[in-house]
């Protein structure tokens, strides 16, 4: 119950700071401040781009650069984790659980 009271208080605080001339039923400027997360398709695109880099362990900086190139925004830690999880899933064979060899550099 305390969460409900806190949540109502928080929403009231947000509404108090919302401009009177704004849409009374929408809070689009507030949503815009939250930023956008990568879609599952974009996570897969980044994983493919990073996987093509070559053999060896993938560095976080490689993933962050790939996300930035795709989204033109600084990646969040959550996005970094999602891409790393996708890379792990791509490199493990689903049927046997064997690790796939890392791709070779061309």
N, C-alpha and C. Protein backbone atom coordinates (compact mmCIF):
# COMPACT_ATOMS: atom_id res chain seq x y z
N UNK A 1 0.83 -1.20 0.00
CA UNK A 1 0.00 0.00 0.00
C UNK A 1 0.87 1.25 0.00
N UNK A 2 2.03 1.18 0.65
CA UNK A 2 2.90 2.35 0.70
C UNK A 2 3.39 2.72 -0.70
N UNK A 3 3.56 1.70 -1.57
CA UNK A 3 4.01 1.95 -2.93
C UNK A 3 2.96 2.76 -3.68
N UNK A 4 1.70 2.42 -3.49
CA UNK A 4 0.62 3.14 -4.17
C UNK A 4 0.61 4.61 -3.74
N UNK A 5 0.76 4.84 -2.46
CA UNK A 5 0.78 6.21 -1.95
C UNK A 5 1.98 6.96 -2.53
N UNK A 6 3.14 6.32 -2.55
CA UNK A 6 4.34 6.95 -3.10
C UNK A 6 4.15 7.23 -4.59
N UNK A 7 3.58 6.26 -5.32
CA UNK A 7 3.37 6.44 -6.75
C UNK A 7 2.41 7.59 -7.04
N UNK A 8 1.34 7.67 -6.29
CA UNK A 8 0.40 8.79 -6.46
C UNK A 8 1.08 10.12 -6.17
N UNK A 9 1.89 10.15 -5.14
CA UNK A 9 2.62 11.36 -4.80
C UNK A 9 3.57 11.75 -5.93
N UNK A 10 4.25 10.78 -6.50
CA UNK A 10 5.19 11.03 -7.58
C UNK A 10 4.46 11.55 -8.82
N UNK A 11 3.36 10.91 -9.18
CA UNK A 11 2.58 11.36 -10.34
C UNK A 11 2.04 12.77 -10.10
N UNK A 12 1.61 13.06 -8.89
CA UNK A 12 1.17 14.40 -8.56
C UNK A 12 2.28 15.42 -8.71
N UNK A 13 3.48 15.04 -8.31
CA UNK A 13 4.64 15.92 -8.45
C UNK A 13 4.93 16.18 -9.93
N UNK A 14 4.85 15.14 -10.75
CA UNK A 14 5.07 15.31 -12.20
C UNK A 14 4.01 16.23 -12.80
N UNK A 15 2.77 16.01 -12.43
CA UNK A 15 1.68 16.83 -12.98
C UNK A 15 1.80 18.28 -12.54
N UNK A 16 2.27 18.51 -11.33
CA UNK A 16 2.42 19.89 -10.85
C UNK A 16 3.46 20.64 -11.66
N UNK A 17 4.46 19.95 -12.16
CA UNK A 17 5.50 20.59 -12.95
C UNK A 17 5.21 20.63 -14.43
N UNK A 18 4.11 20.01 -14.85
CA UNK A 18 3.75 19.97 -16.26
C UNK A 18 3.13 21.29 -16.67
N UNK A 19 3.53 21.86 -17.82
CA UNK A 19 3.00 23.16 -18.23
C UNK A 19 1.48 23.15 -18.41
N UNK A 20 0.85 24.21 -17.99
CA UNK A 20 -0.61 24.32 -18.10
C UNK A 20 -1.06 24.34 -19.56
N UNK A 21 -0.20 24.80 -20.44
CA UNK A 21 -0.56 24.88 -21.86
C UNK A 21 -0.38 23.55 -22.57
N UNK A 22 0.19 22.57 -21.89
CA UNK A 22 0.41 21.25 -22.50
C UNK A 22 -0.87 20.45 -22.61
N UNK A 23 -0.80 19.37 -23.35
CA UNK A 23 -1.93 18.47 -23.51
C UNK A 23 -2.29 17.88 -22.16
N UNK A 24 -3.53 18.07 -21.67
CA UNK A 24 -3.88 17.60 -20.34
C UNK A 24 -3.97 16.07 -20.22
N UNK A 25 -4.01 15.38 -21.37
CA UNK A 25 -4.15 13.93 -21.33
C UNK A 25 -2.88 13.19 -21.75
N UNK A 26 -1.88 13.92 -22.16
CA UNK A 26 -0.65 13.26 -22.61
C UNK A 26 0.56 13.91 -22.00
N UNK A 27 1.54 13.12 -21.77
CA UNK A 27 2.77 13.62 -21.16
C UNK A 27 3.96 13.26 -22.05
N UNK A 28 3.82 13.55 -23.33
CA UNK A 28 4.84 13.22 -24.31
C UNK A 28 6.21 13.80 -23.95
N UNK A 29 6.32 15.06 -23.49
CA UNK A 29 7.65 15.55 -23.12
C UNK A 29 8.30 14.74 -22.01
N UNK A 30 7.51 14.23 -21.10
CA UNK A 30 8.07 13.40 -20.04
C UNK A 30 8.56 12.07 -20.58
N UNK A 31 7.81 11.51 -21.51
CA UNK A 31 8.21 10.25 -22.12
C UNK A 31 9.49 10.45 -22.92
N UNK A 32 9.61 11.59 -23.60
CA UNK A 32 10.80 11.87 -24.40
C UNK A 32 12.05 11.92 -23.52
N UNK A 33 11.90 12.37 -22.29
CA UNK A 33 13.05 12.43 -21.40
C UNK A 33 13.55 11.05 -20.98
N UNK A 34 12.69 10.05 -21.07
CA UNK A 34 13.07 8.70 -20.67
C UNK A 34 14.04 8.06 -21.66
N UNK A 35 14.03 8.53 -22.89
CA UNK A 35 14.91 7.94 -23.90
C UNK A 35 14.30 6.68 -24.48
N UNK A 36 14.87 6.23 -25.55
CA UNK A 36 14.36 5.05 -26.23
C UNK A 36 15.32 3.88 -26.01
N UNK A 37 14.76 2.72 -25.88
CA UNK A 37 15.57 1.52 -25.75
C UNK A 37 15.67 0.85 -27.12
N UNK A 38 16.70 0.07 -27.31
CA UNK A 38 16.85 -0.67 -28.56
C UNK A 38 15.74 -1.71 -28.66
N UNK A 39 15.21 -1.87 -29.87
CA UNK A 39 14.25 -2.94 -30.12
C UNK A 39 15.00 -4.26 -30.20
N UNK A 40 14.26 -5.36 -30.17
CA UNK A 40 14.90 -6.67 -30.29
C UNK A 40 15.61 -6.80 -31.63
N UNK A 41 15.02 -6.23 -32.67
CA UNK A 41 15.64 -6.27 -34.00
C UNK A 41 16.96 -5.49 -34.01
N UNK A 42 16.99 -4.35 -33.34
CA UNK A 42 18.21 -3.56 -33.28
C UNK A 42 19.28 -4.27 -32.45
N UNK A 43 18.87 -4.94 -31.38
CA UNK A 43 19.82 -5.71 -30.57
C UNK A 43 20.47 -6.79 -31.44
N UNK A 44 19.66 -7.44 -32.27
CA UNK A 44 20.19 -8.47 -33.18
C UNK A 44 21.14 -7.85 -34.20
N UNK A 45 20.79 -6.68 -34.75
CA UNK A 45 21.66 -6.00 -35.71
C UNK A 45 23.01 -5.67 -35.08
N UNK A 46 22.99 -5.17 -33.85
CA UNK A 46 24.24 -4.83 -33.16
C UNK A 46 25.05 -6.10 -32.90
N UNK A 47 24.38 -7.17 -32.49
CA UNK A 47 25.07 -8.43 -32.23
C UNK A 47 25.75 -8.94 -33.49
N UNK A 48 25.07 -8.84 -34.62
CA UNK A 48 25.66 -9.28 -35.89
C UNK A 48 26.86 -8.41 -36.23
N UNK A 49 26.74 -7.09 -36.07
CA UNK A 49 27.86 -6.19 -36.37
C UNK A 49 29.07 -6.51 -35.51
N UNK A 50 28.83 -6.71 -34.22
CA UNK A 50 29.94 -6.97 -33.29
C UNK A 50 30.53 -8.35 -33.54
N UNK A 51 29.68 -9.31 -33.89
CA UNK A 51 30.15 -10.67 -34.14
C UNK A 51 31.08 -10.71 -35.35
N UNK A 52 30.90 -9.80 -36.28
CA UNK A 52 31.74 -9.75 -37.48
C UNK A 52 33.12 -9.16 -37.21
N UNK A 53 33.31 -8.58 -36.04
CA UNK A 53 34.60 -7.97 -35.72
C UNK A 53 35.71 -8.99 -35.79
N UNK A 54 35.46 -10.17 -35.29
CA UNK A 54 36.48 -11.20 -35.40
C UNK A 54 36.61 -12.05 -34.16
N UNK A 55 37.71 -12.80 -34.16
CA UNK A 55 37.96 -13.76 -33.09
C UNK A 55 38.29 -13.05 -31.79
N UNK A 56 38.19 -13.82 -30.73
CA UNK A 56 38.55 -13.27 -29.43
C UNK A 56 37.35 -12.74 -28.69
N UNK A 57 37.57 -12.39 -27.45
CA UNK A 57 36.47 -11.86 -26.65
C UNK A 57 36.02 -10.48 -27.14
N UNK A 58 34.75 -10.25 -27.04
CA UNK A 58 34.19 -8.97 -27.45
C UNK A 58 34.29 -8.00 -26.28
N UNK A 59 34.83 -6.85 -26.53
CA UNK A 59 34.97 -5.83 -25.50
C UNK A 59 33.70 -4.99 -25.42
N UNK A 60 33.41 -4.48 -24.23
CA UNK A 60 32.24 -3.61 -24.05
C UNK A 60 32.31 -2.38 -24.96
N UNK A 61 33.51 -1.88 -25.17
CA UNK A 61 33.66 -0.68 -26.01
C UNK A 61 33.21 -0.98 -27.44
N UNK A 62 33.47 -2.20 -27.93
CA UNK A 62 33.02 -2.56 -29.28
C UNK A 62 31.51 -2.54 -29.37
N UNK A 63 30.86 -3.06 -28.34
CA UNK A 63 29.39 -3.09 -28.32
C UNK A 63 28.85 -1.66 -28.23
N UNK A 64 29.45 -0.85 -27.36
CA UNK A 64 28.99 0.53 -27.20
C UNK A 64 29.13 1.32 -28.51
N UNK A 65 30.23 1.13 -29.22
CA UNK A 65 30.43 1.83 -30.49
C UNK A 65 29.39 1.38 -31.51
N UNK A 66 29.12 0.08 -31.57
CA UNK A 66 28.13 -0.43 -32.52
C UNK A 66 26.73 0.11 -32.20
N UNK A 67 26.38 0.16 -30.92
CA UNK A 67 25.07 0.71 -30.54
C UNK A 67 24.99 2.19 -30.91
N UNK A 68 26.05 2.94 -30.64
CA UNK A 68 26.06 4.36 -30.97
C UNK A 68 25.96 4.58 -32.47
N UNK A 69 26.64 3.76 -33.25
CA UNK A 69 26.56 3.89 -34.71
C UNK A 69 25.15 3.62 -35.22
N UNK A 70 24.45 2.69 -34.58
CA UNK A 70 23.10 2.34 -35.02
C UNK A 70 22.05 3.35 -34.54
N UNK A 71 22.13 3.71 -33.25
CA UNK A 71 21.06 4.53 -32.67
C UNK A 71 21.39 6.02 -32.60
N UNK A 72 22.65 6.37 -32.78
CA UNK A 72 23.11 7.76 -32.67
C UNK A 72 22.87 8.33 -31.28
N UNK A 73 22.85 7.45 -30.28
CA UNK A 73 22.71 7.84 -28.87
C UNK A 73 23.66 7.01 -28.03
N UNK A 74 24.01 7.55 -26.88
CA UNK A 74 24.87 6.81 -25.97
C UNK A 74 24.11 5.60 -25.44
N UNK A 75 24.73 4.42 -25.46
CA UNK A 75 24.04 3.22 -24.99
C UNK A 75 23.94 3.18 -23.47
N UNK A 76 22.89 2.54 -23.00
CA UNK A 76 22.72 2.34 -21.57
C UNK A 76 23.33 1.01 -21.16
N UNK A 77 23.52 0.82 -19.88
CA UNK A 77 24.05 -0.45 -19.38
C UNK A 77 23.10 -1.60 -19.71
N UNK A 78 21.81 -1.31 -19.69
CA UNK A 78 20.81 -2.32 -20.00
C UNK A 78 20.94 -2.78 -21.46
N UNK A 79 21.15 -1.83 -22.36
CA UNK A 79 21.32 -2.18 -23.77
C UNK A 79 22.60 -2.99 -23.97
N UNK A 80 23.65 -2.61 -23.28
CA UNK A 80 24.91 -3.33 -23.35
C UNK A 80 24.71 -4.78 -22.92
N UNK A 81 23.99 -4.99 -21.81
CA UNK A 81 23.71 -6.34 -21.32
C UNK A 81 22.88 -7.13 -22.32
N UNK A 82 21.88 -6.49 -22.92
CA UNK A 82 21.03 -7.19 -23.89
C UNK A 82 21.84 -7.67 -25.08
N UNK A 83 22.73 -6.83 -25.58
CA UNK A 83 23.55 -7.22 -26.73
C UNK A 83 24.52 -8.33 -26.32
N UNK A 84 25.14 -8.20 -25.15
CA UNK A 84 26.07 -9.23 -24.70
C UNK A 84 25.33 -10.57 -24.54
N UNK A 85 24.12 -10.56 -23.99
CA UNK A 85 23.32 -11.78 -23.86
C UNK A 85 23.00 -12.37 -25.23
N UNK A 86 22.68 -11.50 -26.18
CA UNK A 86 22.38 -11.98 -27.54
C UNK A 86 23.62 -12.60 -28.18
N UNK A 87 24.78 -11.98 -27.97
CA UNK A 87 26.02 -12.54 -28.51
C UNK A 87 26.29 -13.92 -27.91
N UNK A 88 26.07 -14.05 -26.62
CA UNK A 88 26.27 -15.33 -25.95
C UNK A 88 25.33 -16.38 -26.54
N UNK A 89 24.08 -16.01 -26.75
CA UNK A 89 23.11 -16.94 -27.33
C UNK A 89 23.49 -17.32 -28.75
N UNK A 90 24.04 -16.39 -29.50
CA UNK A 90 24.45 -16.67 -30.89
C UNK A 90 25.64 -17.62 -30.93
N UNK A 91 26.48 -17.59 -29.93
CA UNK A 91 27.71 -18.39 -29.95
C UNK A 91 27.57 -19.75 -29.29
N UNK A 92 26.40 -20.05 -28.77
CA UNK A 92 26.16 -21.36 -28.16
C UNK A 92 25.13 -22.08 -29.01
N UNK A 93 25.45 -23.33 -29.37
CA UNK A 93 24.51 -24.10 -30.17
C UNK A 93 23.32 -24.48 -29.30
N UNK A 94 22.10 -24.14 -29.73
CA UNK A 94 20.92 -24.43 -28.90
C UNK A 94 20.72 -25.91 -28.61
N UNK A 95 20.96 -26.79 -29.59
CA UNK A 95 20.66 -28.21 -29.41
C UNK A 95 21.65 -28.89 -28.47
N UNK A 96 22.94 -28.60 -28.60
CA UNK A 96 23.93 -29.33 -27.83
C UNK A 96 24.52 -28.53 -26.69
N UNK A 97 24.39 -27.21 -26.74
CA UNK A 97 24.98 -26.38 -25.71
C UNK A 97 26.47 -26.17 -25.91
N UNK A 98 27.01 -26.67 -27.05
CA UNK A 98 28.44 -26.50 -27.32
C UNK A 98 28.73 -25.06 -27.73
N UNK A 99 29.89 -24.60 -27.33
CA UNK A 99 30.32 -23.28 -27.76
C UNK A 99 30.72 -23.32 -29.22
N UNK A 100 30.26 -22.33 -29.98
CA UNK A 100 30.69 -22.18 -31.36
C UNK A 100 32.04 -21.49 -31.38
N UNK A 101 32.87 -21.81 -32.34
CA UNK A 101 34.12 -21.07 -32.43
C UNK A 101 33.85 -19.63 -32.81
N UNK A 102 34.63 -18.70 -32.29
CA UNK A 102 34.41 -17.31 -32.67
C UNK A 102 34.70 -17.11 -34.15
N UNK A 103 34.04 -16.14 -34.78
CA UNK A 103 34.27 -15.92 -36.21
C UNK A 103 35.72 -15.49 -36.44
N UNK A 104 36.21 -15.83 -37.61
CA UNK A 104 37.59 -15.44 -37.96
C UNK A 104 37.60 -14.09 -38.64
N UNK A 105 38.70 -13.37 -38.47
CA UNK A 105 38.86 -12.08 -39.14
C UNK A 105 39.12 -12.28 -40.59
N UNK A 106 38.54 -11.41 -41.38
CA UNK A 106 38.77 -11.49 -42.83
C UNK A 106 39.63 -10.37 -43.28
